[in-house]
């Protein structure tokens, strides 16, 4: 198969499953690295003026948290697209679902896939997913540098939510969304931790 050739249809779902798993594992690894950077920074002695070590570990936590959040949202998108390919026979409906934003797509997925129950827009896991998608959008749409002046730490608002807590929330939300969707539409929850 040449580099630019398309993946044959009959092996596409297997490739998507591998991508889901790879993205999730990458998100999990990044969340762990963000957590380690956070713990190391918190273990440093406090100082009135942030040290180079504190600033470096803060940057590391932000970077790894960003990777975790972006990877989770992408993982969830590829997972849902593969479910649509397996369960929806109408090319038009499949195309319209792929064209929706992540929150709208996940919110509508249960009913599109034939379930009489679905997500509550204002409760977990959907409310948490909305937060994670918002953080991801802020990150990829508003490309500012982290502003860390010499004598203090000032993170621009777009990066305030890129932290260990939200990287962990992204992982938890991913598992919750997939498990809930599988229960709604009566399919097995995928093996592993996705």
N, C-alpha and C. Protein backbone atom coordinates (compact mmCIF):
# COMPACT_ATOMS: atom_id res chain seq x y z
N UNK A 1 0.86 -1.17 0.00
CA UNK A 1 0.00 0.00 0.00
C UNK A 1 0.90 1.23 0.00
N UNK A 2 0.67 2.15 -0.90
CA UNK A 2 1.49 3.36 -0.96
C UNK A 2 1.12 4.30 0.18
N UNK A 3 2.00 5.24 0.46
CA UNK A 3 1.80 6.17 1.57
C UNK A 3 0.49 6.94 1.46
N UNK A 4 0.12 7.34 0.25
CA UNK A 4 -1.08 8.16 0.09
C UNK A 4 -2.35 7.37 -0.14
N UNK A 5 -2.29 6.03 -0.14
CA UNK A 5 -3.50 5.28 -0.45
C UNK A 5 -4.44 5.21 0.74
N UNK A 6 -5.70 5.02 0.44
CA UNK A 6 -6.74 4.94 1.47
C UNK A 6 -6.73 3.56 2.10
N UNK A 7 -7.15 3.48 3.34
CA UNK A 7 -7.25 2.20 4.05
C UNK A 7 -8.49 1.49 3.54
N UNK A 8 -8.36 0.22 3.13
CA UNK A 8 -9.54 -0.51 2.66
C UNK A 8 -10.64 -0.53 3.71
N UNK A 9 -11.89 -0.43 3.26
CA UNK A 9 -13.04 -0.33 4.16
C UNK A 9 -13.09 -1.45 5.18
N UNK A 10 -12.83 -2.69 4.79
CA UNK A 10 -13.00 -3.78 5.73
C UNK A 10 -12.00 -3.77 6.89
N UNK A 11 -10.87 -3.05 6.76
CA UNK A 11 -9.96 -2.98 7.91
C UNK A 11 -10.01 -1.63 8.61
N UNK A 12 -10.80 -0.69 8.09
CA UNK A 12 -10.89 0.63 8.70
C UNK A 12 -11.34 0.59 10.16
N UNK A 13 -12.40 -0.17 10.54
CA UNK A 13 -12.81 -0.18 11.95
C UNK A 13 -11.69 -0.64 12.88
N UNK A 14 -10.90 -1.65 12.45
CA UNK A 14 -9.80 -2.12 13.28
C UNK A 14 -8.76 -1.01 13.47
N UNK A 15 -8.46 -0.28 12.40
CA UNK A 15 -7.51 0.82 12.49
C UNK A 15 -8.05 1.89 13.43
N UNK A 16 -9.35 2.20 13.32
CA UNK A 16 -9.93 3.22 14.20
C UNK A 16 -9.88 2.76 15.66
N UNK A 17 -10.11 1.48 15.91
CA UNK A 17 -10.02 0.97 17.27
C UNK A 17 -8.60 1.15 17.79
N UNK A 18 -7.62 0.86 16.96
CA UNK A 18 -6.23 1.05 17.37
C UNK A 18 -5.97 2.52 17.65
N UNK A 19 -6.48 3.41 16.80
CA UNK A 19 -6.29 4.85 17.01
C UNK A 19 -6.95 5.30 18.31
N UNK A 20 -8.17 4.81 18.58
CA UNK A 20 -8.84 5.15 19.84
C UNK A 20 -7.95 4.77 21.02
N UNK A 21 -7.42 3.55 20.95
CA UNK A 21 -6.59 3.06 22.04
C UNK A 21 -5.30 3.86 22.17
N UNK A 22 -4.66 4.15 21.03
CA UNK A 22 -3.42 4.93 21.06
C UNK A 22 -3.66 6.34 21.62
N UNK A 23 -4.72 6.99 21.17
CA UNK A 23 -5.02 8.33 21.66
C UNK A 23 -5.31 8.31 23.15
N UNK A 24 -6.05 7.30 23.59
CA UNK A 24 -6.38 7.21 25.00
C UNK A 24 -5.12 6.96 25.83
N UNK A 25 -4.28 6.04 25.36
CA UNK A 25 -3.04 5.75 26.08
C UNK A 25 -2.13 6.98 26.14
N UNK A 26 -2.09 7.73 25.04
CA UNK A 26 -1.30 8.96 25.00
C UNK A 26 -1.87 9.98 25.99
N UNK A 27 -3.19 10.09 26.05
CA UNK A 27 -3.83 11.00 27.00
C UNK A 27 -3.52 10.58 28.43
N UNK A 28 -3.60 9.28 28.69
CA UNK A 28 -3.34 8.77 30.04
C UNK A 28 -1.89 9.03 30.45
N UNK A 29 -0.96 8.77 29.55
CA UNK A 29 0.45 9.02 29.83
C UNK A 29 0.71 10.51 30.08
N UNK A 30 0.10 11.35 29.27
CA UNK A 30 0.27 12.80 29.44
C UNK A 30 -0.32 13.29 30.75
N UNK A 31 -1.48 12.77 31.12
CA UNK A 31 -2.09 13.15 32.40
C UNK A 31 -1.20 12.73 33.57
N UNK A 32 -0.59 11.55 33.46
CA UNK A 32 0.34 11.10 34.51
C UNK A 32 1.56 12.02 34.60
N UNK A 33 2.09 12.42 33.45
CA UNK A 33 3.25 13.32 33.44
C UNK A 33 2.88 14.69 34.01
N UNK A 34 1.68 15.17 33.69
CA UNK A 34 1.22 16.45 34.26
C UNK A 34 1.11 16.34 35.77
N UNK A 35 0.59 15.23 36.25
CA UNK A 35 0.45 15.01 37.68
C UNK A 35 1.81 14.96 38.37
N UNK A 36 2.78 14.29 37.74
CA UNK A 36 4.13 14.22 38.32
C UNK A 36 4.75 15.62 38.40
N UNK A 37 4.60 16.41 37.34
CA UNK A 37 5.14 17.77 37.34
C UNK A 37 4.48 18.61 38.44
N UNK A 38 3.17 18.45 38.59
CA UNK A 38 2.44 19.17 39.63
C UNK A 38 2.94 18.78 41.02
N UNK A 39 3.10 17.48 41.25
CA UNK A 39 3.57 17.01 42.55
C UNK A 39 4.99 17.50 42.85
N UNK A 40 5.85 17.46 41.82
CA UNK A 40 7.23 17.93 42.01
C UNK A 40 7.26 19.43 42.32
N UNK A 41 6.42 20.19 41.62
CA UNK A 41 6.37 21.64 41.87
C UNK A 41 5.86 21.92 43.28
N UNK A 42 4.83 21.18 43.70
CA UNK A 42 4.28 21.38 45.05
C UNK A 42 5.24 20.94 46.15
N UNK A 43 6.17 20.05 45.83
CA UNK A 43 7.15 19.57 46.82
C UNK A 43 8.30 20.56 47.01
N UNK A 44 8.46 21.49 46.08
CA UNK A 44 9.53 22.48 46.20
C UNK A 44 9.20 23.45 47.33
N UNK A 45 10.25 23.96 47.98
CA UNK A 45 9.98 24.94 49.04
C UNK A 45 9.33 26.20 48.47
N UNK A 46 8.35 26.75 49.16
CA UNK A 46 7.70 27.97 48.66
C UNK A 46 8.69 29.13 48.61
N UNK A 47 8.47 30.00 47.65
CA UNK A 47 9.33 31.19 47.56
C UNK A 47 8.49 32.36 47.08
N UNK A 48 8.85 33.55 47.53
CA UNK A 48 8.12 34.75 47.14
C UNK A 48 8.23 35.00 45.64
N UNK A 49 9.39 34.72 45.10
CA UNK A 49 9.61 34.86 43.66
C UNK A 49 9.76 33.46 43.09
N UNK A 50 8.95 33.08 42.11
CA UNK A 50 9.04 31.72 41.57
C UNK A 50 10.44 31.41 41.06
N UNK A 51 10.88 30.21 41.37
CA UNK A 51 12.21 29.78 40.92
C UNK A 51 12.12 29.24 39.50
N UNK A 52 13.27 29.08 38.89
CA UNK A 52 13.31 28.50 37.54
C UNK A 52 12.72 27.09 37.55
N UNK A 53 12.97 26.34 38.62
CA UNK A 53 12.43 24.98 38.72
C UNK A 53 10.90 25.00 38.79
N UNK A 54 10.35 25.92 39.60
CA UNK A 54 8.89 26.02 39.71
C UNK A 54 8.26 26.38 38.36
N UNK A 55 8.87 27.34 37.68
CA UNK A 55 8.34 27.77 36.39
C UNK A 55 8.43 26.66 35.35
N UNK A 56 9.53 25.95 35.36
CA UNK A 56 9.71 24.84 34.41
C UNK A 56 8.67 23.74 34.64
N UNK A 57 8.45 23.40 35.90
CA UNK A 57 7.46 22.36 36.23
C UNK A 57 6.04 22.82 35.92
N UNK A 58 5.75 24.11 36.11
CA UNK A 58 4.44 24.63 35.75
C UNK A 58 4.22 24.51 34.24
N UNK A 59 5.21 24.91 33.48
CA UNK A 59 5.11 24.77 32.01
C UNK A 59 4.89 23.31 31.62
N UNK A 60 5.62 22.42 32.27
CA UNK A 60 5.49 20.99 31.97
C UNK A 60 4.08 20.50 32.29
N UNK A 61 3.54 20.90 33.42
CA UNK A 61 2.17 20.50 33.78
C UNK A 61 1.17 21.01 32.74
N UNK A 62 1.31 22.25 32.34
CA UNK A 62 0.39 22.83 31.35
C UNK A 62 0.50 22.09 30.02
N UNK A 63 1.72 21.84 29.57
CA UNK A 63 1.92 21.17 28.29
C UNK A 63 1.33 19.76 28.29
N UNK A 64 1.62 18.99 29.34
CA UNK A 64 1.11 17.61 29.39
C UNK A 64 -0.41 17.59 29.57
N UNK A 65 -0.94 18.53 30.33
CA UNK A 65 -2.40 18.61 30.50
C UNK A 65 -3.06 18.94 29.17
N UNK A 66 -2.46 19.83 28.41
CA UNK A 66 -3.00 20.20 27.10
C UNK A 66 -3.04 18.98 26.18
N UNK A 67 -1.97 18.21 26.16
CA UNK A 67 -1.92 17.01 25.32
C UNK A 67 -3.00 16.02 25.75
N UNK A 68 -3.16 15.84 27.05
CA UNK A 68 -4.17 14.90 27.55
C UNK A 68 -5.57 15.33 27.12
N UNK A 69 -5.88 16.60 27.27
CA UNK A 69 -7.22 17.10 26.95
C UNK A 69 -7.50 17.00 25.45
N UNK A 70 -6.55 17.42 24.62
CA UNK A 70 -6.73 17.34 23.17
C UNK A 70 -6.84 15.88 22.72
N UNK A 71 -6.02 15.01 23.30
CA UNK A 71 -6.06 13.59 22.93
C UNK A 71 -7.38 12.94 23.31
N UNK A 72 -7.91 13.27 24.47
CA UNK A 72 -9.20 12.69 24.90
C UNK A 72 -10.32 13.11 23.96
N UNK A 73 -10.40 14.39 23.65
CA UNK A 73 -11.49 14.85 22.77
C UNK A 73 -11.35 14.20 21.39
N UNK A 74 -10.13 14.07 20.90
CA UNK A 74 -9.91 13.42 19.60
C UNK A 74 -10.25 11.94 19.67
N UNK A 75 -9.86 11.28 20.75
CA UNK A 75 -10.17 9.87 20.96
C UNK A 75 -11.68 9.64 20.95
N UNK A 76 -12.41 10.49 21.67
CA UNK A 76 -13.86 10.36 21.73
C UNK A 76 -14.50 10.58 20.36
N UNK A 77 -13.95 11.49 19.59
CA UNK A 77 -14.46 11.75 18.25
C UNK A 77 -14.24 10.54 17.34
N UNK A 78 -13.04 9.97 17.36
CA UNK A 78 -12.78 8.82 16.49
C UNK A 78 -13.60 7.61 16.93
N UNK A 79 -13.77 7.44 18.24
CA UNK A 79 -14.58 6.34 18.73
C UNK A 79 -16.03 6.46 18.24
N UNK A 80 -16.61 7.65 18.41
CA UNK A 80 -18.00 7.85 18.01
C UNK A 80 -18.17 7.71 16.50
N UNK A 81 -17.22 8.21 15.73
CA UNK A 81 -17.29 8.05 14.28
C UNK A 81 -17.27 6.58 13.88
N UNK A 82 -16.48 5.77 14.59
CA UNK A 82 -16.45 4.34 14.25
C UNK A 82 -17.77 3.66 14.63
N UNK A 83 -18.40 4.09 15.73
CA UNK A 83 -19.71 3.55 16.09
C UNK A 83 -20.73 3.92 15.01
N UNK A 84 -20.69 5.17 14.55
CA UNK A 84 -21.60 5.60 13.48
C UNK A 84 -21.40 4.76 12.22
N UNK A 85 -20.15 4.50 11.86
CA UNK A 85 -19.88 3.70 10.66
C UNK A 85 -20.43 2.29 10.79
N UNK A 86 -20.37 1.75 12.00
CA UNK A 86 -20.88 0.38 12.22
C UNK A 86 -22.40 0.33 12.32
N UNK A 87 -23.03 1.36 12.87
CA UNK A 87 -24.45 1.30 13.22
C UNK A 87 -25.37 2.10 12.30
N UNK A 88 -24.87 3.10 11.60
CA UNK A 88 -25.74 3.93 10.77
C UNK A 88 -25.54 3.55 9.31
N UNK A 89 -26.62 3.18 8.66
CA UNK A 89 -26.51 2.76 7.26
C UNK A 89 -26.68 3.92 6.28
N UNK A 90 -27.28 4.99 6.70
CA UNK A 90 -27.50 6.13 5.82
C UNK A 90 -26.24 6.99 5.72
N UNK A 91 -25.68 7.08 4.51
CA UNK A 91 -24.48 7.90 4.31
C UNK A 91 -24.76 9.36 4.66
N UNK A 92 -25.94 9.85 4.34
CA UNK A 92 -26.29 11.25 4.62
C UNK A 92 -26.33 11.52 6.12
N UNK A 93 -26.94 10.61 6.87
CA UNK A 93 -27.02 10.77 8.33
C UNK A 93 -25.62 10.68 8.95
N UNK A 94 -24.83 9.73 8.48
CA UNK A 94 -23.46 9.58 8.98
C UNK A 94 -22.65 10.85 8.72
N UNK A 95 -22.78 11.39 7.51
CA UNK A 95 -22.05 12.61 7.14
C UNK A 95 -22.51 13.80 7.99
N UNK A 96 -23.83 13.90 8.23
CA UNK A 96 -24.31 15.03 9.04
C UNK A 96 -23.83 14.92 10.48
N UNK A 97 -23.75 13.71 11.01
CA UNK A 97 -23.24 13.53 12.37
C UNK A 97 -21.76 13.87 12.44
N UNK A 98 -20.99 13.48 11.43
CA UNK A 98 -19.56 13.80 11.43
C UNK A 98 -19.33 15.30 11.35
N UNK A 99 -20.27 16.03 10.75
CA UNK A 99 -20.13 17.47 10.62
C UNK A 99 -20.49 18.25 11.88
N UNK A 100 -21.04 17.59 12.88
CA UNK A 100 -21.40 18.28 14.13
C UNK A 100 -20.18 18.48 15.02
N UNK A 101 -20.28 19.45 15.90
CA UNK A 101 -19.25 19.65 16.91
C UNK A 101 -19.27 18.50 17.90
N UNK A 102 -18.21 18.31 18.67
CA UNK A 102 -18.13 17.16 19.56
C UNK A 102 -19.25 17.06 20.59
N UNK A 103 -19.62 18.16 21.22
CA UNK A 103 -20.67 18.10 22.25
C UNK A 103 -22.00 17.75 21.62
N UNK A 104 -22.36 18.42 20.55
CA UNK A 104 -23.63 18.15 19.87
C UNK A 104 -23.68 16.70 19.37
N UNK A 105 -22.57 16.23 18.84
CA UNK A 105 -22.52 14.87 18.31
C UNK A 105 -22.75 13.84 19.42
N UNK A 106 -22.07 14.00 20.55
CA UNK A 106 -22.24 13.05 21.65
C UNK A 106 -23.63 13.16 22.27
N UNK A 107 -24.12 14.37 22.39
CA UNK A 107 -25.45 14.55 22.97
C UNK A 107 -26.53 13.88 22.11
N UNK A 108 -26.41 14.00 20.80
CA UNK A 108 -27.41 13.44 19.88
C UNK A 108 -27.20 11.96 19.57
N UNK A 109 -26.02 11.44 19.83
CA UNK A 109 -25.69 10.06 19.44
C UNK A 109 -26.68 9.00 19.94
N UNK A 110 -27.06 9.00 21.21
CA UNK A 110 -27.97 7.93 21.65
C UNK A 110 -29.27 7.88 20.85
N UNK A 111 -29.91 9.03 20.64
CA UNK A 111 -31.19 9.01 19.91
C UNK A 111 -30.98 8.67 18.43
N UNK A 112 -29.92 9.16 17.83
CA UNK A 112 -29.62 8.82 16.43
C UNK A 112 -29.37 7.33 16.28
N UNK A 113 -28.79 6.73 17.31
CA UNK A 113 -28.48 5.30 17.27
C UNK A 113 -29.63 4.44 17.79
N UNK A 114 -30.80 5.04 18.01
CA UNK A 114 -32.00 4.28 18.33
C UNK A 114 -32.32 4.12 19.80
N UNK A 115 -31.66 4.82 20.68
CA UNK A 115 -31.93 4.68 22.11
C UNK A 115 -33.08 5.61 22.53
N UNK A 116 -33.86 5.15 23.49
CA UNK A 116 -34.92 6.00 24.04
C UNK A 116 -34.41 6.77 25.26
N UNK A 117 -33.20 6.45 25.72
CA UNK A 117 -32.58 7.20 26.81
C UNK A 117 -31.30 7.84 26.28
N UNK A 118 -30.84 8.86 26.99
CA UNK A 118 -29.64 9.54 26.53
C UNK A 118 -29.02 10.37 27.62
N UNK A 119 -28.10 11.22 27.22
CA UNK A 119 -27.37 12.05 28.17
C UNK A 119 -28.23 13.22 28.64
N UNK A 120 -28.03 13.61 29.89
CA UNK A 120 -28.60 14.84 30.42
C UNK A 120 -27.56 15.92 30.16
N UNK A 121 -27.94 16.95 29.43
CA UNK A 121 -27.01 17.98 28.99
C UNK A 121 -26.31 18.68 30.16
N UNK A 122 -27.00 18.82 31.29
CA UNK A 122 -26.46 19.58 32.42
C UNK A 122 -25.88 18.72 33.54
N UNK A 123 -25.77 17.42 33.32
CA UNK A 123 -25.21 16.52 34.34
C UNK A 123 -23.99 15.79 33.78
N UNK A 124 -23.20 15.24 34.69
CA UNK A 124 -22.05 14.42 34.27
C UNK A 124 -22.58 13.17 33.56
N UNK A 125 -21.93 12.68 32.57
CA UNK A 125 -20.64 13.11 32.06
C UNK A 125 -20.71 14.23 31.01
N UNK A 126 -21.93 14.57 30.55
CA UNK A 126 -22.04 15.57 29.47
C UNK A 126 -21.56 16.95 29.92
N UNK A 127 -21.89 17.36 31.15
CA UNK A 127 -21.45 18.69 31.62
C UNK A 127 -19.92 18.74 31.72
N UNK A 128 -19.31 17.64 32.15
CA UNK A 128 -17.84 17.58 32.22
C UNK A 128 -17.25 17.59 30.81
N UNK A 129 -17.88 16.89 29.89
CA UNK A 129 -17.39 16.87 28.51
C UNK A 129 -17.46 18.26 27.90
N UNK A 130 -18.52 18.99 28.19
CA UNK A 130 -18.63 20.36 27.68
C UNK A 130 -17.46 21.22 28.17
N UNK A 131 -17.07 21.04 29.44
CA UNK A 131 -15.93 21.78 29.98
C UNK A 131 -14.65 21.41 29.24
N UNK A 132 -14.43 20.11 29.08
CA UNK A 132 -13.20 19.63 28.44
C UNK A 132 -13.11 20.13 27.00
N UNK A 133 -14.22 20.08 26.28
CA UNK A 133 -14.22 20.57 24.90
C UNK A 133 -13.96 22.08 24.87
N UNK A 134 -14.52 22.80 25.82
CA UNK A 134 -14.27 24.25 25.90
C UNK A 134 -12.78 24.53 26.11
N UNK A 135 -12.15 23.77 27.01
CA UNK A 135 -10.72 23.96 27.27
C UNK A 135 -9.90 23.63 26.02
N UNK A 136 -10.31 22.59 25.33
CA UNK A 136 -9.61 22.22 24.10
C UNK A 136 -9.76 23.30 23.04
N UNK A 137 -10.98 23.82 22.88
CA UNK A 137 -11.21 24.89 21.89
C UNK A 137 -10.38 26.13 22.23
N UNK A 138 -10.36 26.51 23.50
CA UNK A 138 -9.56 27.67 23.91
C UNK A 138 -8.10 27.46 23.56
N UNK A 139 -7.64 26.24 23.72
CA UNK A 139 -6.25 25.93 23.45
C UNK A 139 -5.92 25.97 21.96
N UNK A 140 -6.75 25.34 21.15
CA UNK A 140 -6.38 25.23 19.73
C UNK A 140 -6.80 26.44 18.91
N UNK A 141 -7.76 27.22 19.39
CA UNK A 141 -8.22 28.37 18.63
C UNK A 141 -7.45 29.63 19.02
N UNK A 142 -7.17 29.81 20.28
CA UNK A 142 -6.54 31.03 20.77
C UNK A 142 -5.07 30.74 21.09
N UNK A 143 -4.20 30.94 20.17
CA UNK A 143 -2.80 30.52 20.31
C UNK A 143 -1.94 31.61 20.95
N UNK A 144 -2.00 31.70 22.25
CA UNK A 144 -1.14 32.64 22.97
C UNK A 144 -0.06 31.86 23.71
N UNK A 145 1.02 32.54 23.95
CA UNK A 145 2.09 31.95 24.75
C UNK A 145 1.71 32.04 26.22
N UNK A 146 2.25 31.13 27.00
CA UNK A 146 2.09 31.23 28.44
C UNK A 146 2.93 32.43 28.87
N UNK A 147 2.33 33.35 29.55
CA UNK A 147 3.04 34.56 29.97
C UNK A 147 3.49 34.37 31.41
N UNK A 148 4.78 34.22 31.59
CA UNK A 148 5.32 34.07 32.93
C UNK A 148 6.37 35.15 33.12
N UNK A 149 5.99 36.28 33.77
CA UNK A 149 6.96 37.34 34.00
C UNK A 149 8.08 36.88 34.93
N UNK A 150 9.12 37.65 34.99
CA UNK A 150 10.30 37.26 35.76
C UNK A 150 10.01 37.06 37.24
N UNK A 151 9.18 37.90 37.84
CA UNK A 151 9.00 37.84 39.28
C UNK A 151 7.68 37.23 39.76
N UNK A 152 6.85 36.78 38.87
CA UNK A 152 5.59 36.16 39.30
C UNK A 152 5.07 35.26 38.19
N UNK A 153 4.05 34.50 38.52
CA UNK A 153 3.44 33.62 37.55
C UNK A 153 2.10 34.21 37.15
N UNK A 154 1.92 34.45 35.88
CA UNK A 154 0.66 34.97 35.38
C UNK A 154 0.30 34.16 34.14
N UNK A 155 -0.64 33.25 34.29
CA UNK A 155 -1.03 32.40 33.17
C UNK A 155 -2.20 33.07 32.47
N UNK A 156 -2.11 33.22 31.15
CA UNK A 156 -3.22 33.83 30.42
C UNK A 156 -4.47 32.97 30.62
N UNK A 157 -5.66 33.58 30.59
CA UNK A 157 -6.89 32.84 30.90
C UNK A 157 -7.09 31.57 30.08
N UNK A 158 -6.65 31.57 28.84
CA UNK A 158 -6.83 30.37 28.00
C UNK A 158 -6.11 29.15 28.54
N UNK A 159 -5.10 29.36 29.39
CA UNK A 159 -4.32 28.24 29.91
C UNK A 159 -4.60 27.93 31.37
N UNK A 160 -5.45 28.70 32.02
CA UNK A 160 -5.73 28.47 33.44
C UNK A 160 -6.32 27.08 33.69
N UNK A 161 -7.04 26.56 32.73
CA UNK A 161 -7.71 25.28 32.92
C UNK A 161 -6.88 24.09 32.46
N UNK A 162 -5.68 24.36 31.99
CA UNK A 162 -4.79 23.28 31.56
C UNK A 162 -3.96 22.86 32.76
N UNK A 163 -4.53 21.94 33.54
CA UNK A 163 -3.88 21.51 34.76
C UNK A 163 -4.18 20.04 35.01
N UNK A 164 -3.53 19.52 36.00
CA UNK A 164 -3.65 18.10 36.34
C UNK A 164 -5.10 17.70 36.61
N UNK A 165 -5.82 18.53 37.34
CA UNK A 165 -7.21 18.19 37.69
C UNK A 165 -8.06 18.01 36.44
N UNK A 166 -7.91 18.90 35.46
CA UNK A 166 -8.73 18.80 34.26
C UNK A 166 -8.23 17.73 33.29
N UNK A 167 -6.93 17.42 33.33
CA UNK A 167 -6.43 16.28 32.54
C UNK A 167 -7.04 14.98 33.08
N UNK A 168 -7.10 14.86 34.40
CA UNK A 168 -7.74 13.68 35.02
C UNK A 168 -9.23 13.65 34.75
N UNK A 169 -9.87 14.81 34.80
CA UNK A 169 -11.30 14.90 34.50
C UNK A 169 -11.57 14.44 33.06
N UNK A 170 -10.69 14.80 32.14
CA UNK A 170 -10.86 14.39 30.74
C UNK A 170 -10.84 12.87 30.62
N UNK A 171 -9.92 12.21 31.30
CA UNK A 171 -9.85 10.74 31.25
C UNK A 171 -11.11 10.11 31.84
N UNK A 172 -11.51 10.61 33.00
CA UNK A 172 -12.72 10.08 33.67
C UNK A 172 -13.95 10.28 32.79
N UNK A 173 -14.05 11.45 32.17
CA UNK A 173 -15.19 11.77 31.32
C UNK A 173 -15.23 10.87 30.10
N UNK A 174 -14.07 10.60 29.53
CA UNK A 174 -13.98 9.71 28.37
C UNK A 174 -14.57 8.34 28.70
N UNK A 175 -14.14 7.78 29.81
CA UNK A 175 -14.65 6.47 30.21
C UNK A 175 -16.15 6.51 30.46
N UNK A 176 -16.61 7.56 31.12
CA UNK A 176 -18.04 7.69 31.44
C UNK A 176 -18.91 7.83 30.19
N UNK A 177 -18.46 8.67 29.25
CA UNK A 177 -19.24 8.87 28.02
C UNK A 177 -19.36 7.57 27.24
N UNK A 178 -18.25 6.89 27.06
CA UNK A 178 -18.27 5.66 26.26
C UNK A 178 -19.10 4.59 26.95
N UNK A 179 -18.91 4.42 28.25
CA UNK A 179 -19.69 3.41 28.99
C UNK A 179 -21.18 3.73 28.92
N UNK A 180 -21.54 4.99 29.12
CA UNK A 180 -22.95 5.39 29.08
C UNK A 180 -23.54 5.15 27.69
N UNK A 181 -22.83 5.58 26.65
CA UNK A 181 -23.35 5.39 25.29
C UNK A 181 -23.56 3.91 25.00
N UNK A 182 -22.61 3.08 25.37
CA UNK A 182 -22.75 1.63 25.13
C UNK A 182 -23.98 1.07 25.83
N UNK A 183 -24.22 1.51 27.06
CA UNK A 183 -25.41 1.05 27.78
C UNK A 183 -26.69 1.56 27.11
N UNK A 184 -26.69 2.83 26.69
CA UNK A 184 -27.87 3.40 26.02
C UNK A 184 -28.25 2.63 24.78
N UNK A 185 -27.24 2.26 23.97
CA UNK A 185 -27.55 1.64 22.67
C UNK A 185 -27.40 0.13 22.67
N UNK A 186 -27.08 -0.45 23.83
CA UNK A 186 -27.07 -1.90 23.97
C UNK A 186 -25.91 -2.60 23.29
N UNK A 187 -24.73 -2.01 23.35
CA UNK A 187 -23.53 -2.69 22.83
C UNK A 187 -22.53 -2.88 23.96
N UNK A 188 -21.59 -3.76 23.74
CA UNK A 188 -20.58 -4.03 24.78
C UNK A 188 -19.64 -2.84 24.94
N UNK A 189 -19.28 -2.60 26.17
CA UNK A 189 -18.29 -1.56 26.46
C UNK A 189 -16.96 -2.10 25.95
N UNK A 190 -16.18 -1.28 25.21
CA UNK A 190 -14.90 -1.76 24.68
C UNK A 190 -13.99 -2.23 25.81
N UNK A 191 -13.16 -3.23 25.51
CA UNK A 191 -12.18 -3.72 26.49
C UNK A 191 -11.17 -2.64 26.78
N UNK A 192 -10.40 -2.85 27.79
CA UNK A 192 -9.38 -1.86 28.16
C UNK A 192 -10.02 -0.74 28.94
N UNK A 193 -9.34 0.40 28.93
CA UNK A 193 -9.80 1.51 29.76
C UNK A 193 -10.47 2.62 28.99
N UNK A 194 -10.76 2.44 27.73
CA UNK A 194 -11.40 3.53 26.99
C UNK A 194 -12.81 3.68 27.50
